[in-house]
Protein backbone atom coordinates (compact mmCIF):
# COMPACT_ATOMS: atom_id res chain seq x y z
CA MET A 1 12.37 12.64 23.39
CA ASN A 2 10.01 13.61 26.33
CA ALA A 3 6.47 14.87 25.94
CA ARG A 4 7.39 18.75 26.31
CA GLU A 5 10.14 18.24 23.79
CA TYR A 6 7.72 16.78 21.41
CA LEU A 7 5.12 19.68 21.99
CA GLU A 8 7.75 22.22 21.28
CA ILE A 9 8.54 20.82 18.02
CA LEU A 10 5.02 20.84 17.07
CA HIS A 11 4.46 24.48 18.39
CA VAL A 12 7.40 25.64 15.99
CA ALA A 13 5.96 23.51 13.03
CA GLU A 14 2.51 25.18 13.60
CA ARG A 15 4.04 28.37 12.32
CA LEU A 16 3.63 27.03 8.84
CA LYS A 17 -0.09 26.95 9.10
CA ASP A 18 0.02 30.77 9.33
CA THR A 19 2.81 31.32 7.02
CA PRO A 20 1.43 32.45 3.69
CA ARG A 21 2.81 31.29 0.46
CA HIS A 22 3.05 33.34 -2.73
CA CYS A 23 0.32 31.02 -4.45
CA THR A 24 -3.36 31.10 -4.13
CA THR A 25 -5.93 28.45 -4.14
CA SER A 26 -8.51 27.77 -6.56
CA LYS A 27 -10.82 29.94 -4.74
CA GLY A 28 -8.33 32.94 -4.49
CA ARG A 29 -7.30 32.41 -0.94
CA THR A 30 -3.62 32.65 -0.15
CA GLU A 31 -2.31 29.15 0.70
CA SER A 32 -0.10 28.34 3.66
CA VAL A 33 3.23 26.81 3.70
CA ALA A 34 1.71 23.81 5.61
CA GLU A 35 -0.93 23.37 2.75
CA HIS A 36 1.82 23.21 0.34
CA SER A 37 3.97 20.63 2.13
CA TRP A 38 0.84 18.50 2.68
CA ARG A 39 0.09 18.39 -1.04
CA VAL A 40 3.82 17.69 -1.96
CA SER A 41 3.72 14.72 0.49
CA LEU A 42 0.45 13.53 -0.98
CA MET A 43 1.99 13.71 -4.39
CA ALA A 44 5.00 11.48 -3.18
CA PHE A 45 2.50 8.99 -1.62
CA LEU A 46 0.53 8.70 -4.83
CA LEU A 47 3.60 7.85 -6.84
CA LYS A 48 4.84 4.92 -4.71
CA HIS A 49 3.66 2.59 -7.46
CA GLU A 50 5.38 4.59 -10.20
CA PHE A 51 8.75 4.64 -8.54
CA THR A 52 9.24 1.32 -6.99
CA ASP A 53 13.00 1.49 -6.98
CA ILE A 54 12.76 4.65 -4.64
CA ASP A 55 12.47 4.61 -0.87
CA MET A 56 9.10 6.62 -0.95
CA SER A 57 8.85 6.81 2.78
CA LYS A 58 11.96 8.86 2.87
CA VAL A 59 10.62 10.98 -0.07
CA ILE A 60 7.49 11.64 1.98
CA GLU A 61 9.55 12.49 4.94
CA MET A 62 11.48 15.01 2.85
CA CYS A 63 8.35 16.49 1.54
CA LEU A 64 7.00 16.93 5.12
CA ILE A 65 9.96 18.79 6.36
CA HIS A 66 11.24 20.59 3.28
CA ASP A 67 10.01 23.95 4.28
CA LEU A 68 10.48 23.88 8.10
CA GLY A 69 13.06 26.75 7.61
CA GLU A 70 10.22 28.99 6.62
CA CYS A 71 9.07 28.79 10.25
CA PHE A 72 11.63 31.25 10.84
CA THR A 73 11.93 33.36 7.64
CA GLY A 74 8.51 33.10 6.07
CA ASP A 75 8.03 32.02 2.30
CA ILE A 76 9.86 34.04 -0.35
CA PRO A 77 8.85 33.29 -3.89
CA THR A 78 11.64 31.42 -5.87
CA PHE A 79 12.09 34.38 -8.21
CA ASP A 80 12.73 36.81 -5.33
CA LYS A 81 14.70 34.63 -3.08
CA THR A 82 18.41 35.52 -2.95
CA ASP A 83 21.51 33.60 -1.78
CA SER A 84 21.42 35.68 1.36
CA ASP A 85 17.71 34.84 1.99
CA ARG A 86 18.72 31.13 1.57
CA ALA A 87 21.69 31.37 3.86
CA GLU A 88 19.57 33.00 6.61
CA GLU A 89 16.97 30.34 6.41
CA GLU A 90 19.67 27.51 6.42
CA VAL A 91 21.39 29.21 9.60
CA LEU A 92 18.17 29.57 11.48
CA LEU A 93 16.89 26.06 10.55
CA LYS A 94 20.21 24.41 11.72
CA LYS A 95 20.21 26.46 14.93
CA TRP A 96 16.77 25.22 15.83
CA VAL A 97 17.51 21.49 14.55
CA ASP A 98 20.59 21.26 16.56
CA LYS A 99 18.84 22.11 19.85
CA LEU A 100 16.29 19.28 19.10
CA PRO A 101 16.52 15.88 20.92
CA SER A 102 19.43 13.90 19.46
CA GLU A 103 17.67 11.28 17.84
CA VAL A 104 15.39 13.82 16.02
CA SER A 105 18.21 16.22 15.46
CA GLU A 106 20.41 13.59 13.70
CA GLU A 107 17.57 12.27 11.44
CA LEU A 108 16.53 15.87 10.44
CA SER A 109 20.25 16.84 9.75
CA MET A 110 20.78 13.84 7.55
CA LEU A 111 17.44 14.25 5.50
CA PHE A 112 18.30 18.01 5.01
CA SER A 113 21.70 17.31 4.00
CA GLU A 114 20.64 14.73 1.52
CA MET A 115 17.99 16.97 0.24
CA ASP A 116 20.44 19.96 -0.08
CA LYS A 117 22.88 17.87 -2.15
CA LYS A 118 20.17 16.57 -4.55
CA GLU A 119 22.24 13.47 -5.56
CA THR A 120 20.12 10.53 -4.42
CA LYS A 121 16.96 9.54 -6.28
CA GLU A 122 14.84 10.18 -3.32
CA ALA A 123 16.27 13.71 -3.04
CA LYS A 124 15.67 14.48 -6.79
CA LEU A 125 12.26 13.20 -6.63
CA TYR A 126 11.25 15.36 -3.67
CA ASN A 127 12.84 18.38 -5.40
CA ALA A 128 10.91 17.86 -8.37
CA LEU A 129 7.55 17.32 -6.69
CA ASP A 130 8.14 20.47 -4.66
CA LYS A 131 8.69 22.50 -7.82
CA LEU A 132 5.80 20.79 -9.77
CA GLU A 133 3.21 21.32 -6.99
CA ALA A 134 3.80 25.08 -7.12
CA LEU A 135 3.19 25.08 -10.94
CA ILE A 136 0.01 22.94 -10.53
CA GLN A 137 -1.12 25.30 -7.79
CA HIS A 138 -0.66 28.31 -10.13
CA ASN A 139 -2.72 26.55 -12.81
CA GLU A 140 -5.56 26.03 -10.15
CA SER A 141 -5.41 29.57 -8.89
CA PRO A 142 -7.28 32.49 -10.81
CA LEU A 143 -5.17 33.95 -13.50
CA ASP A 144 -5.58 37.41 -12.11
CA THR A 145 -3.58 36.37 -9.17
CA TRP A 146 -0.52 35.56 -11.17
CA SER A 147 2.30 38.16 -11.52
CA GLU A 148 3.47 38.87 -15.12
CA ASN A 149 6.71 36.99 -14.68
CA GLU A 150 4.84 33.87 -13.62
CA LYS A 151 3.11 33.75 -17.06
CA GLU A 152 6.40 33.08 -18.70
CA LEU A 153 8.01 31.13 -15.49
CA ASN A 154 4.98 28.58 -15.54
CA LYS A 155 6.01 27.62 -19.20
CA THR A 156 9.74 26.79 -18.35
CA TYR A 157 10.07 26.23 -14.65
CA ALA A 158 11.27 22.93 -13.36
CA PHE A 159 11.79 21.11 -16.66
CA ASP A 160 15.45 20.79 -15.35
CA LYS A 161 14.19 19.15 -12.32
CA VAL A 162 12.40 16.27 -13.98
CA PHE A 163 14.88 15.19 -16.74
CA PHE A 164 15.85 12.13 -14.54
CA SER A 165 12.36 10.54 -14.97
CA GLU A 166 10.45 9.85 -17.99
CA TRP A 167 7.18 9.69 -15.93
CA LEU A 168 7.87 13.31 -14.26
CA THR A 169 8.76 14.67 -17.73
CA GLY A 170 5.42 13.56 -19.03
CA LEU A 171 3.76 15.08 -15.95
CA ARG A 172 5.66 18.37 -16.45
CA ARG A 173 4.39 18.41 -20.14
CA GLU A 174 0.74 17.81 -19.01
CA ILE A 175 1.24 20.66 -16.46
CA LEU A 176 2.55 22.85 -19.39
CA ASP A 177 -0.45 21.93 -21.46
CA ASP A 178 -2.63 23.17 -18.51
CA THR A 179 -0.69 26.43 -18.22
CA LEU A 180 -1.20 27.16 -22.10
CA GLU A 181 -4.70 26.47 -21.87
CA LYS A 182 -5.23 28.63 -18.81
CA LEU A 183 -3.27 31.52 -20.71
CA GLY A 184 -5.34 31.02 -23.83
CA GLU A 185 -2.34 29.73 -25.83
CA MET A 186 -2.42 26.82 -28.14
CA THR A 187 -1.12 23.55 -26.71
CA VAL A 188 1.78 21.69 -28.60
């Protein structure tokens, strides 16, 4: 890859800094997709001693790139995203990735394929962390920024993504306790 190709990739990825997400920060500011991706990556890095049987470098790579498709479509909350939205994002992302220098294109294509199938330990962990970060962010954001459906969604979302790991299941329970406390409900 030459320097110009490298810069062009970075220019596209920069869009995520200005792509707002549905979540807000603890101070009520709308977060960007880039901020979300950064913290999901940090979550993976911090777990490398908990998941010694997993290629954590690969998980971090997945976390870093997982929302690159939103450079082209923006962020659509999970509860609003349709199959048509997912298909459009996938087509636009693939079109871009296919134009990249071959070594980058091939690596990204392999990672996205693995992430999409969610069969490997690495893909399952990345997917769980992506979902858990959104829940953590909601718990950190002011309650008046939550939509009505999120009050229930935060109680149930992502339990199906963590079942493969006792550690992540425990983390999900802790997140639920935080949600219930924020909502003023009794914790179990």
